Amino acid sequence: MRPQRLWIFGAPGAGTTTLGRALAARMGAPFFDTDDYYWFTDDPLPYRRKRNAQHRLQLLTQDLEGRESFVVAGALLGWGDPLIRRFDAAVYRWLPADVRLTRIQQREAARYGAERIAPGGDLHAVFEKFLRWAEQYDTAPPEKLRSYAAEQQWINTQIHLPLIQSTEDLPPEALAEVVWQRLIAALYR
């Protein structure tokens, strides 16, 4: 038995998308990032307009429908609960805040250009807001949907499938191998 339908989620900047893509490639399965459903992705300035929860759920449900295998990366807490039963297993990723923030800065500079996220750049305000939010992930109370406390509480009450907790800071292919072996072991318990 091997996992066919995986969900990867966790702390912002912990590498859920990177791990998800690597596992999807390993499985020969399609990859879906929840950010593509959460945000209107065709806006010239990203991360400004959110889709409502029902619309997000409808779009992702349509994309998963009829597929035997897939990997979904990203947060579902607060809007994607009905999808949880579709997964064979889940992976929760966490890394220390300083590592995550450095990774976010590098990723956003590579994605949009350092000048756009720097002071005076057209994405500076959005970038700074995102960094502040990501920085508070570990210490925010459970009332904040995207916080360590909220996700751990949710894991303990809502997740009834094999769950791997991953905190290794490894290159993507090595991390995918470690996580894959753990997923196989968890499904054979």
N, C-alpha and C. Protein backbone atom coordinates (compact mmCIF):
# COMPACT_ATOMS: atom_id res chain seq x y z
N MET A 1 0.85 -1.19 0.00
CA MET A 1 0.00 0.00 0.00
C MET A 1 0.89 1.24 0.00
N ARG A 2 0.55 2.20 -0.84
CA ARG A 2 1.30 3.45 -0.86
C ARG A 2 0.30 4.59 -0.89
N PRO A 3 0.68 5.73 -0.35
CA PRO A 3 -0.25 6.86 -0.34
C PRO A 3 -0.58 7.31 -1.76
N GLN A 4 -1.82 7.60 -2.01
CA GLN A 4 -2.27 8.07 -3.31
C GLN A 4 -2.75 9.51 -3.27
N ARG A 5 -3.28 9.93 -2.12
CA ARG A 5 -3.87 11.26 -1.98
C ARG A 5 -3.29 11.90 -0.72
N LEU A 6 -2.38 12.85 -0.93
CA LEU A 6 -1.65 13.45 0.19
C LEU A 6 -2.01 14.91 0.38
N TRP A 7 -1.92 15.33 1.62
CA TRP A 7 -2.10 16.73 1.97
C TRP A 7 -0.89 17.16 2.80
N ILE A 8 -0.23 18.23 2.37
CA ILE A 8 0.94 18.78 3.05
C ILE A 8 0.56 20.17 3.54
N PHE A 9 0.70 20.44 4.83
CA PHE A 9 0.38 21.76 5.37
C PHE A 9 1.32 22.09 6.51
N GLY A 10 1.26 23.34 6.98
CA GLY A 10 2.11 23.71 8.11
C GLY A 10 2.45 25.19 8.12
N ALA A 11 3.52 25.49 8.80
CA ALA A 11 3.94 26.88 9.03
C ALA A 11 4.32 27.56 7.73
N PRO A 12 3.97 28.85 7.59
CA PRO A 12 4.37 29.59 6.38
C PRO A 12 5.89 29.62 6.23
N GLY A 13 6.36 29.29 5.06
CA GLY A 13 7.79 29.29 4.80
C GLY A 13 8.49 27.99 5.15
N ALA A 14 7.73 26.98 5.62
CA ALA A 14 8.33 25.70 6.03
C ALA A 14 8.57 24.76 4.85
N GLY A 15 8.11 25.14 3.66
CA GLY A 15 8.39 24.33 2.49
C GLY A 15 7.29 23.35 2.12
N THR A 16 6.04 23.66 2.46
CA THR A 16 4.95 22.75 2.12
C THR A 16 4.79 22.62 0.60
N THR A 17 4.88 23.72 -0.11
CA THR A 17 4.73 23.68 -1.56
C THR A 17 5.88 22.92 -2.20
N THR A 18 7.09 23.18 -1.77
CA THR A 18 8.27 22.50 -2.32
C THR A 18 8.18 21.00 -2.07
N LEU A 19 7.84 20.62 -0.84
CA LEU A 19 7.70 19.20 -0.51
C LEU A 19 6.55 18.59 -1.30
N GLY A 20 5.44 19.30 -1.39
CA GLY A 20 4.30 18.79 -2.14
C GLY A 20 4.64 18.52 -3.60
N ARG A 21 5.34 19.46 -4.22
CA ARG A 21 5.74 19.27 -5.62
C ARG A 21 6.67 18.05 -5.77
N ALA A 22 7.61 17.92 -4.84
CA ALA A 22 8.56 16.79 -4.92
C ALA A 22 7.83 15.46 -4.73
N LEU A 23 6.89 15.40 -3.81
CA LEU A 23 6.14 14.15 -3.60
C LEU A 23 5.22 13.85 -4.79
N ALA A 24 4.60 14.89 -5.35
CA ALA A 24 3.75 14.70 -6.52
C ALA A 24 4.57 14.15 -7.69
N ALA A 25 5.77 14.70 -7.89
CA ALA A 25 6.63 14.21 -8.97
C ALA A 25 7.01 12.75 -8.73
N ARG A 26 7.32 12.44 -7.50
CA ARG A 26 7.69 11.07 -7.14
C ARG A 26 6.54 10.10 -7.43
N MET A 27 5.32 10.54 -7.15
CA MET A 27 4.13 9.71 -7.31
C MET A 27 3.58 9.72 -8.73
N GLY A 28 4.03 10.68 -9.56
CA GLY A 28 3.45 10.86 -10.88
C GLY A 28 2.01 11.35 -10.77
N ALA A 29 1.77 12.19 -9.76
CA ALA A 29 0.42 12.66 -9.46
C ALA A 29 0.33 14.17 -9.68
N PRO A 30 -0.86 14.69 -9.96
CA PRO A 30 -1.02 16.14 -10.08
C PRO A 30 -0.84 16.83 -8.73
N PHE A 31 -0.36 18.07 -8.79
CA PHE A 31 -0.11 18.87 -7.61
C PHE A 31 -1.04 20.07 -7.59
N PHE A 32 -1.58 20.37 -6.42
CA PHE A 32 -2.47 21.52 -6.23
C PHE A 32 -2.01 22.31 -5.02
N ASP A 33 -1.89 23.63 -5.18
CA ASP A 33 -1.49 24.52 -4.10
C ASP A 33 -2.71 25.31 -3.65
N THR A 34 -3.03 25.27 -2.36
CA THR A 34 -4.24 25.95 -1.88
C THR A 34 -4.19 27.46 -2.09
N ASP A 35 -3.00 28.04 -2.21
CA ASP A 35 -2.92 29.48 -2.49
C ASP A 35 -3.59 29.83 -3.82
N ASP A 36 -3.55 28.90 -4.76
CA ASP A 36 -4.17 29.13 -6.06
C ASP A 36 -5.70 29.16 -5.97
N TYR A 37 -6.23 28.66 -4.89
CA TYR A 37 -7.68 28.65 -4.67
C TYR A 37 -8.09 29.75 -3.68
N TYR A 38 -7.21 30.03 -2.75
CA TYR A 38 -7.48 31.03 -1.71
C TYR A 38 -7.50 32.45 -2.29
N TRP A 39 -6.55 32.73 -3.16
CA TRP A 39 -6.38 34.07 -3.74
C TRP A 39 -6.84 34.11 -5.19
N PHE A 40 -7.27 35.26 -5.63
CA PHE A 40 -7.47 35.48 -7.06
C PHE A 40 -6.07 35.62 -7.65
N THR A 41 -5.66 34.66 -8.43
CA THR A 41 -4.26 34.59 -8.88
C THR A 41 -4.00 35.35 -10.17
N ASP A 42 -5.03 35.87 -10.80
CA ASP A 42 -4.80 36.59 -12.06
C ASP A 42 -4.66 38.10 -11.84
N ASP A 43 -4.63 38.54 -10.59
CA ASP A 43 -4.44 39.96 -10.29
C ASP A 43 -3.00 40.38 -10.60
N PRO A 44 -2.79 41.58 -11.13
CA PRO A 44 -1.42 42.03 -11.41
C PRO A 44 -0.58 42.17 -10.13
N LEU A 45 -1.21 42.57 -9.03
CA LEU A 45 -0.53 42.60 -7.74
C LEU A 45 -1.08 41.44 -6.91
N PRO A 46 -0.23 40.48 -6.57
CA PRO A 46 -0.71 39.25 -5.92
C PRO A 46 -1.14 39.47 -4.47
N TYR A 47 -1.90 38.52 -3.98
CA TYR A 47 -2.29 38.43 -2.57
C TYR A 47 -3.07 39.64 -2.07
N ARG A 48 -3.91 40.17 -2.91
CA ARG A 48 -4.73 41.32 -2.51
C ARG A 48 -6.19 40.93 -2.30
N ARG A 49 -6.68 40.02 -3.17
CA ARG A 49 -8.10 39.66 -3.10
C ARG A 49 -8.25 38.17 -2.82
N LYS A 50 -9.01 37.87 -1.77
CA LYS A 50 -9.29 36.48 -1.40
C LYS A 50 -10.62 36.04 -2.01
N ARG A 51 -10.65 34.78 -2.39
CA ARG A 51 -11.93 34.19 -2.78
C ARG A 51 -12.70 33.86 -1.50
N ASN A 52 -14.04 33.84 -1.57
CA ASN A 52 -14.77 33.43 -0.37
C ASN A 52 -14.59 31.93 -0.18
N ALA A 53 -14.79 31.47 1.04
CA ALA A 53 -14.50 30.08 1.41
C ALA A 53 -15.26 29.08 0.55
N GLN A 54 -16.51 29.34 0.27
CA GLN A 54 -17.31 28.41 -0.52
C GLN A 54 -16.78 28.29 -1.94
N HIS A 55 -16.35 29.41 -2.52
CA HIS A 55 -15.80 29.40 -3.88
C HIS A 55 -14.50 28.60 -3.92
N ARG A 56 -13.63 28.82 -2.94
CA ARG A 56 -12.37 28.07 -2.86
C ARG A 56 -12.64 26.57 -2.82
N LEU A 57 -13.54 26.20 -1.91
CA LEU A 57 -13.87 24.80 -1.71
C LEU A 57 -14.44 24.19 -2.99
N GLN A 58 -15.30 24.91 -3.64
CA GLN A 58 -15.91 24.43 -4.89
C GLN A 58 -14.84 24.20 -5.96
N LEU A 59 -13.93 25.16 -6.14
CA LEU A 59 -12.90 25.05 -7.17
C LEU A 59 -11.95 23.88 -6.90
N LEU A 60 -11.49 23.75 -5.67
CA LEU A 60 -10.56 22.66 -5.35
C LEU A 60 -11.27 21.31 -5.42
N THR A 61 -12.49 21.24 -4.96
CA THR A 61 -13.26 20.00 -5.05
C THR A 61 -13.39 19.56 -6.51
N GLN A 62 -13.70 20.50 -7.39
CA GLN A 62 -13.82 20.18 -8.81
C GLN A 62 -12.51 19.62 -9.36
N ASP A 63 -11.39 20.22 -8.97
CA ASP A 63 -10.10 19.77 -9.50
C ASP A 63 -9.69 18.39 -8.97
N LEU A 64 -10.14 18.05 -7.76
CA LEU A 64 -9.80 16.75 -7.18
C LEU A 64 -10.74 15.63 -7.62
N GLU A 65 -11.92 16.01 -8.04
CA GLU A 65 -12.98 15.05 -8.39
C GLU A 65 -12.50 14.04 -9.43
N GLY A 66 -12.73 12.77 -9.12
CA GLY A 66 -12.43 11.69 -10.06
C GLY A 66 -10.96 11.30 -10.16
N ARG A 67 -10.10 11.94 -9.41
CA ARG A 67 -8.67 11.62 -9.48
C ARG A 67 -8.32 10.53 -8.46
N GLU A 68 -7.54 9.57 -8.91
CA GLU A 68 -7.11 8.50 -8.01
C GLU A 68 -5.95 8.93 -7.12
N SER A 69 -5.15 9.84 -7.64
CA SER A 69 -4.01 10.30 -6.84
C SER A 69 -3.83 11.79 -7.05
N PHE A 70 -3.32 12.45 -6.00
CA PHE A 70 -3.02 13.87 -6.05
C PHE A 70 -2.28 14.27 -4.79
N VAL A 71 -1.65 15.43 -4.85
CA VAL A 71 -1.02 16.04 -3.68
C VAL A 71 -1.54 17.46 -3.59
N VAL A 72 -2.02 17.81 -2.41
CA VAL A 72 -2.47 19.17 -2.13
C VAL A 72 -1.55 19.74 -1.07
N ALA A 73 -1.02 20.94 -1.30
CA ALA A 73 -0.17 21.61 -0.32
C ALA A 73 -0.81 22.92 0.08
N GLY A 74 -0.81 23.18 1.38
CA GLY A 74 -1.30 24.45 1.88
C GLY A 74 -2.41 24.29 2.90
N ALA A 75 -2.80 25.42 3.45
CA ALA A 75 -3.79 25.45 4.53
C ALA A 75 -5.20 25.18 4.02
N LEU A 76 -5.91 24.36 4.77
CA LEU A 76 -7.33 24.11 4.54
C LEU A 76 -8.16 24.51 5.76
N LEU A 77 -7.48 24.75 6.87
CA LEU A 77 -8.14 25.08 8.13
C LEU A 77 -9.09 26.26 7.95
N GLY A 78 -10.34 26.04 8.34
CA GLY A 78 -11.32 27.11 8.28
C GLY A 78 -12.17 27.12 7.03
N TRP A 79 -11.76 26.38 6.00
CA TRP A 79 -12.56 26.35 4.78
C TRP A 79 -12.54 25.01 4.07
N GLY A 80 -11.57 24.19 4.29
CA GLY A 80 -11.44 22.96 3.54
C GLY A 80 -11.74 21.69 4.31
N ASP A 81 -12.37 21.82 5.48
CA ASP A 81 -12.66 20.63 6.30
C ASP A 81 -13.34 19.50 5.52
N PRO A 82 -14.31 19.79 4.63
CA PRO A 82 -14.96 18.69 3.90
C PRO A 82 -14.01 17.87 3.02
N LEU A 83 -12.85 18.42 2.72
CA LEU A 83 -11.89 17.70 1.86
C LEU A 83 -11.04 16.69 2.63
N ILE A 84 -10.95 16.83 3.94
CA ILE A 84 -10.03 16.01 4.72
C ILE A 84 -10.27 14.51 4.49
N ARG A 85 -11.51 14.10 4.39
CA ARG A 85 -11.81 12.68 4.20
C ARG A 85 -11.30 12.13 2.88
N ARG A 86 -10.90 12.99 1.95
CA ARG A 86 -10.40 12.55 0.64
C ARG A 86 -8.93 12.11 0.69
N PHE A 87 -8.23 12.45 1.77
CA PHE A 87 -6.79 12.16 1.84
C PHE A 87 -6.51 10.82 2.51
N ASP A 88 -5.44 10.17 2.04
CA ASP A 88 -4.95 8.93 2.67
C ASP A 88 -4.05 9.25 3.85
N ALA A 89 -3.35 10.38 3.76
CA ALA A 89 -2.39 10.76 4.80
C ALA A 89 -2.10 12.25 4.68
N ALA A 90 -1.55 12.79 5.77
CA ALA A 90 -1.19 14.21 5.80
C ALA A 90 0.20 14.38 6.38
N VAL A 91 0.84 15.48 6.01
CA VAL A 91 2.15 15.84 6.53
C VAL A 91 2.07 17.27 7.05
N TYR A 92 2.45 17.45 8.32
CA TYR A 92 2.51 18.79 8.89
C TYR A 92 3.98 19.20 8.93
N ARG A 93 4.31 20.35 8.29
CA ARG A 93 5.70 20.86 8.22
C ARG A 93 5.86 22.03 9.17
N TRP A 94 6.96 22.03 9.90
CA TRP A 94 7.31 23.15 10.76
C TRP A 94 8.82 23.29 10.77
N LEU A 95 9.27 24.54 10.73
CA LEU A 95 10.68 24.89 10.90
C LEU A 95 10.73 26.12 11.81
N PRO A 96 11.86 26.39 12.46
CA PRO A 96 11.96 27.58 13.31
C PRO A 96 11.68 28.87 12.52
N ALA A 97 11.13 29.84 13.22
CA ALA A 97 10.70 31.09 12.59
C ALA A 97 11.83 31.78 11.81
N ASP A 98 13.03 31.83 12.37
CA ASP A 98 14.12 32.53 11.66
C ASP A 98 14.44 31.86 10.33
N VAL A 99 14.39 30.54 10.29
CA VAL A 99 14.64 29.82 9.04
C VAL A 99 13.51 30.10 8.05
N ARG A 100 12.28 30.04 8.53
CA ARG A 100 11.12 30.28 7.65
C ARG A 100 11.14 31.69 7.08
N LEU A 101 11.41 32.69 7.90
CA LEU A 101 11.39 34.08 7.42
C LEU A 101 12.49 34.32 6.38
N THR A 102 13.64 33.74 6.59
CA THR A 102 14.72 33.86 5.60
C THR A 102 14.30 33.22 4.28
N ARG A 103 13.68 32.05 4.37
CA ARG A 103 13.22 31.36 3.16
C ARG A 103 12.15 32.18 2.44
N ILE A 104 11.23 32.78 3.20
CA ILE A 104 10.18 33.61 2.59
C ILE A 104 10.81 34.80 1.86
N GLN A 105 11.76 35.47 2.51
CA GLN A 105 12.41 36.62 1.88
C GLN A 105 13.10 36.21 0.58
N GLN A 106 13.83 35.11 0.61
CA GLN A 106 14.52 34.64 -0.59
C GLN A 106 13.53 34.24 -1.68
N ARG A 107 12.47 33.55 -1.30
CA ARG A 107 11.47 33.10 -2.27
C ARG A 107 10.77 34.27 -2.94
N GLU A 108 10.34 35.25 -2.14
CA GLU A 108 9.60 36.38 -2.70
C GLU A 108 10.50 37.26 -3.56
N ALA A 109 11.77 37.42 -3.17
CA ALA A 109 12.71 38.19 -3.99
C ALA A 109 12.95 37.49 -5.33
N ALA A 110 13.07 36.16 -5.29
CA ALA A 110 13.26 35.41 -6.54
C ALA A 110 12.00 35.45 -7.40
N ARG A 111 10.85 35.38 -6.77
CA ARG A 111 9.58 35.33 -7.50
C ARG A 111 9.22 36.67 -8.13
N TYR A 112 9.39 37.77 -7.38
CA TYR A 112 8.90 39.07 -7.84
C TYR A 112 10.00 40.08 -8.12
N GLY A 113 11.22 39.80 -7.66
CA GLY A 113 12.32 40.75 -7.81
C GLY A 113 12.53 41.51 -6.50
N ALA A 114 13.78 41.60 -6.10
CA ALA A 114 14.11 42.26 -4.83
C ALA A 114 13.63 43.70 -4.79
N GLU A 115 13.68 44.40 -5.93
CA GLU A 115 13.29 45.81 -5.96
C GLU A 115 11.78 45.99 -5.71
N ARG A 116 10.97 45.02 -6.09
CA ARG A 116 9.52 45.13 -5.90
C ARG A 116 9.11 44.95 -4.45
N ILE A 117 9.87 44.15 -3.68
CA ILE A 117 9.51 43.95 -2.28
C ILE A 117 10.27 44.88 -1.34
N ALA A 118 11.25 45.60 -1.86
CA ALA A 118 12.03 46.54 -1.06
C ALA A 118 11.20 47.81 -0.78
N PRO A 119 11.60 48.61 0.22
CA PRO A 119 10.89 49.87 0.47
C PRO A 119 10.79 50.68 -0.82
N GLY A 120 9.58 51.15 -1.09
CA GLY A 120 9.32 51.90 -2.32
C GLY A 120 8.82 51.04 -3.46
N GLY A 121 8.97 49.74 -3.34
CA GLY A 121 8.50 48.83 -4.38
C GLY A 121 6.99 48.64 -4.32
N ASP A 122 6.39 48.28 -5.44
CA ASP A 122 4.93 48.15 -5.49
C ASP A 122 4.40 47.00 -4.64
N LEU A 123 5.25 46.04 -4.26
CA LEU A 123 4.82 44.93 -3.41
C LEU A 123 5.33 45.03 -1.98
N HIS A 124 5.98 46.12 -1.64
CA HIS A 124 6.59 46.25 -0.32
C HIS A 124 5.56 46.11 0.81
N ALA A 125 4.46 46.81 0.73
CA ALA A 125 3.46 46.78 1.81
C ALA A 125 2.87 45.38 1.98
N VAL A 126 2.55 44.73 0.87
CA VAL A 126 2.01 43.38 0.93
C VAL A 126 3.04 42.41 1.51
N PHE A 127 4.28 42.54 1.07
CA PHE A 127 5.36 41.69 1.55
C PHE A 127 5.58 41.87 3.05
N GLU A 128 5.65 43.10 3.51
CA GLU A 128 5.86 43.36 4.94
C GLU A 128 4.71 42.82 5.78
N LYS A 129 3.50 42.98 5.31
CA LYS A 129 2.34 42.45 6.02
C LYS A 129 2.42 40.92 6.12
N PHE A 130 2.81 40.28 5.02
CA PHE A 130 2.96 38.83 5.01
C PHE A 130 4.06 38.39 5.98
N LEU A 131 5.19 39.08 5.99
CA LEU A 131 6.27 38.73 6.91
C LEU A 131 5.83 38.85 8.36
N ARG A 132 5.14 39.93 8.70
CA ARG A 132 4.65 40.11 10.09
C ARG A 132 3.72 38.97 10.48
N TRP A 133 2.83 38.61 9.56
CA TRP A 133 1.90 37.52 9.83
C TRP A 133 2.66 36.20 10.01
N ALA A 134 3.60 35.90 9.12
CA ALA A 134 4.37 34.66 9.19
C ALA A 134 5.20 34.61 10.47
N GLU A 135 5.72 35.74 10.88
CA GLU A 135 6.53 35.82 12.09
C GLU A 135 5.73 35.47 13.34
N GLN A 136 4.44 35.76 13.33
CA GLN A 136 3.58 35.54 14.50
C GLN A 136 2.97 34.14 14.54
N TYR A 137 3.21 33.34 13.54
CA TYR A 137 2.59 32.02 13.45
C TYR A 137 2.79 31.20 14.73
N ASP A 138 4.01 31.16 15.25
CA ASP A 138 4.32 30.30 16.41
C ASP A 138 3.71 30.81 17.71
N THR A 139 3.46 32.11 17.82
CA THR A 139 3.02 32.68 19.09
C THR A 139 1.57 33.16 19.10
N ALA A 140 0.92 33.21 17.95
CA ALA A 140 -0.46 33.68 17.88
C ALA A 140 -1.39 32.70 18.60
N PRO A 141 -2.47 33.21 19.19
CA PRO A 141 -3.41 32.35 19.90
C PRO A 141 -4.22 31.48 18.92
N PRO A 142 -4.87 30.44 19.44
CA PRO A 142 -5.61 29.54 18.56
C PRO A 142 -6.80 30.19 17.84
N GLU A 143 -7.20 31.37 18.29
CA GLU A 143 -8.27 32.08 17.59
C GLU A 143 -7.83 32.54 16.21
N LYS A 144 -6.53 32.70 16.01
CA LYS A 144 -5.98 33.04 14.70
C LYS A 144 -5.91 31.74 13.90
N LEU A 145 -6.67 31.67 12.81
CA LEU A 145 -6.77 30.41 12.07
C LEU A 145 -5.43 29.86 11.61
N ARG A 146 -4.54 30.69 11.16
CA ARG A 146 -3.23 30.21 10.74
C ARG A 146 -2.22 30.49 11.82
N SER A 147 -2.28 29.70 12.86
CA SER A 147 -1.29 29.76 13.93
C SER A 147 -0.92 28.34 14.31
N TYR A 148 0.24 28.20 14.93
CA TYR A 148 0.67 26.89 15.40
C TYR A 148 -0.37 26.30 16.35
N ALA A 149 -0.84 27.12 17.29
CA ALA A 149 -1.81 26.65 18.28
C ALA A 149 -3.10 26.18 17.61
N ALA A 150 -3.61 26.94 16.66
CA ALA A 150 -4.85 26.57 15.97
C ALA A 150 -4.67 25.29 15.18
N GLU A 151 -3.55 25.18 14.46
CA GLU A 151 -3.35 24.00 13.63
C GLU A 151 -3.13 22.75 14.49
N GLN A 152 -2.42 22.89 15.60
CA GLN A 152 -2.23 21.74 16.48
C GLN A 152 -3.56 21.32 17.12
N GLN A 153 -4.35 22.29 17.51
CA GLN A 153 -5.67 21.99 18.08
C GLN A 153 -6.54 21.27 17.03
N TRP A 154 -6.48 21.76 15.80
CA TRP A 154 -7.24 21.17 14.71
C TRP A 154 -6.76 19.76 14.42
N ILE A 155 -5.45 19.56 14.41
CA ILE A 155 -4.89 18.23 14.19
C ILE A 155 -5.43 17.26 15.23
N ASN A 156 -5.46 17.69 16.48
CA ASN A 156 -5.89 16.81 17.57
C ASN A 156 -7.38 16.50 17.56
N THR A 157 -8.18 17.33 16.92
CA THR A 157 -9.63 17.11 16.96
C THR A 157 -10.23 16.73 15.61
N GLN A 158 -9.60 17.11 14.50
CA GLN A 158 -10.21 16.92 13.19
C GLN A 158 -9.49 15.94 12.27
N ILE A 159 -8.23 15.70 12.51
CA ILE A 159 -7.46 14.86 11.60
C ILE A 159 -7.52 13.41 12.09
N HIS A 160 -8.20 12.58 11.33
CA HIS A 160 -8.35 11.16 11.68
C HIS A 160 -7.78 10.30 10.55
N LEU A 161 -6.56 10.62 10.17
CA LEU A 161 -5.86 9.87 9.15
C LEU A 161 -4.39 9.90 9.53
N PRO A 162 -3.59 9.02 8.96
CA PRO A 162 -2.17 9.03 9.30
C PRO A 162 -1.56 10.42 9.08
N LEU A 163 -0.84 10.89 10.08
CA LEU A 163 -0.24 12.23 10.05
C LEU A 163 1.24 12.13 10.40
N ILE A 164 2.06 12.68 9.54
CA ILE A 164 3.50 12.75 9.76
C ILE A 164 3.83 14.18 10.15
N GLN A 165 4.61 14.36 11.22
CA GLN A 165 5.08 15.70 11.58
C GLN A 165 6.54 15.78 11.13
N SER A 166 6.83 16.76 10.30
CA SER A 166 8.15 16.88 9.68
C SER A 166 8.80 18.21 10.06
N THR A 167 9.99 18.12 10.67
CA THR A 167 10.71 19.33 11.10
C THR A 167 12.15 19.36 10.56
N GLU A 168 12.45 18.50 9.62
CA GLU A 168 13.81 18.45 9.07
C GLU A 168 14.02 19.58 8.07
N ASP A 169 15.20 20.16 8.11
CA ASP A 169 15.57 21.18 7.12
C ASP A 169 16.56 20.53 6.16
N LEU A 170 16.01 19.88 5.14
CA LEU A 170 16.81 19.12 4.18
C LEU A 170 16.54 19.64 2.77
N PRO A 171 17.43 19.35 1.83
CA PRO A 171 17.13 19.67 0.42
C PRO A 171 15.84 18.95 0.00
N PRO A 172 15.11 19.52 -0.95
CA PRO A 172 13.78 18.98 -1.30
C PRO A 172 13.75 17.48 -1.61
N GLU A 173 14.66 16.98 -2.40
CA GLU A 173 14.61 15.55 -2.76
C GLU A 173 14.89 14.66 -1.55
N ALA A 174 15.84 15.07 -0.71
CA ALA A 174 16.14 14.29 0.50
C ALA A 174 14.96 14.32 1.46
N LEU A 175 14.35 15.49 1.61
CA LEU A 175 13.17 15.60 2.47
C LEU A 175 12.03 14.74 1.94
N ALA A 176 11.81 14.77 0.65
CA ALA A 176 10.74 13.97 0.05
C ALA A 176 10.97 12.49 0.33
N GLU A 177 12.21 12.04 0.25
CA GLU A 177 12.53 10.63 0.52
C GLU A 177 12.23 10.28 1.98
N VAL A 178 12.66 11.12 2.92
CA VAL A 178 12.41 10.88 4.35
C VAL A 178 10.92 10.82 4.62
N VAL A 179 10.20 11.80 4.13
CA VAL A 179 8.75 11.86 4.37
C VAL A 179 8.05 10.68 3.70
N TRP A 180 8.44 10.34 2.48
CA TRP A 180 7.82 9.22 1.78
C TRP A 180 7.97 7.92 2.59
N GLN A 181 9.16 7.67 3.09
CA GLN A 181 9.39 6.46 3.88
C GLN A 181 8.53 6.47 5.15
N ARG A 182 8.38 7.61 5.78
CA ARG A 182 7.53 7.72 6.97
C ARG A 182 6.06 7.50 6.63
N LEU A 183 5.63 8.02 5.48
CA LEU A 183 4.24 7.82 5.06
C LEU A 183 3.96 6.33 4.82
N ILE A 184 4.86 5.67 4.15
CA ILE A 184 4.70 4.22 3.89
C ILE A 184 4.59 3.49 5.23
N ALA A 185 5.50 3.79 6.17
CA ALA A 185 5.49 3.14 7.47
C ALA A 185 4.17 3.42 8.21
N ALA A 186 3.69 4.64 8.14
CA ALA A 186 2.46 5.01 8.84
C ALA A 186 1.24 4.29 8.27
N LEU A 187 1.22 4.07 6.97
CA LEU A 187 0.09 3.40 6.34
C LEU A 187 0.11 1.88 6.59
N TYR A 188 1.28 1.33 6.95
CA TYR A 188 1.37 -0.10 7.20
C TYR A 188 1.26 -0.46 8.67
N ARG A 189 1.03 0.52 9.53
CA ARG A 189 0.91 0.22 10.98
C ARG A 189 -0.22 -0.71 11.25
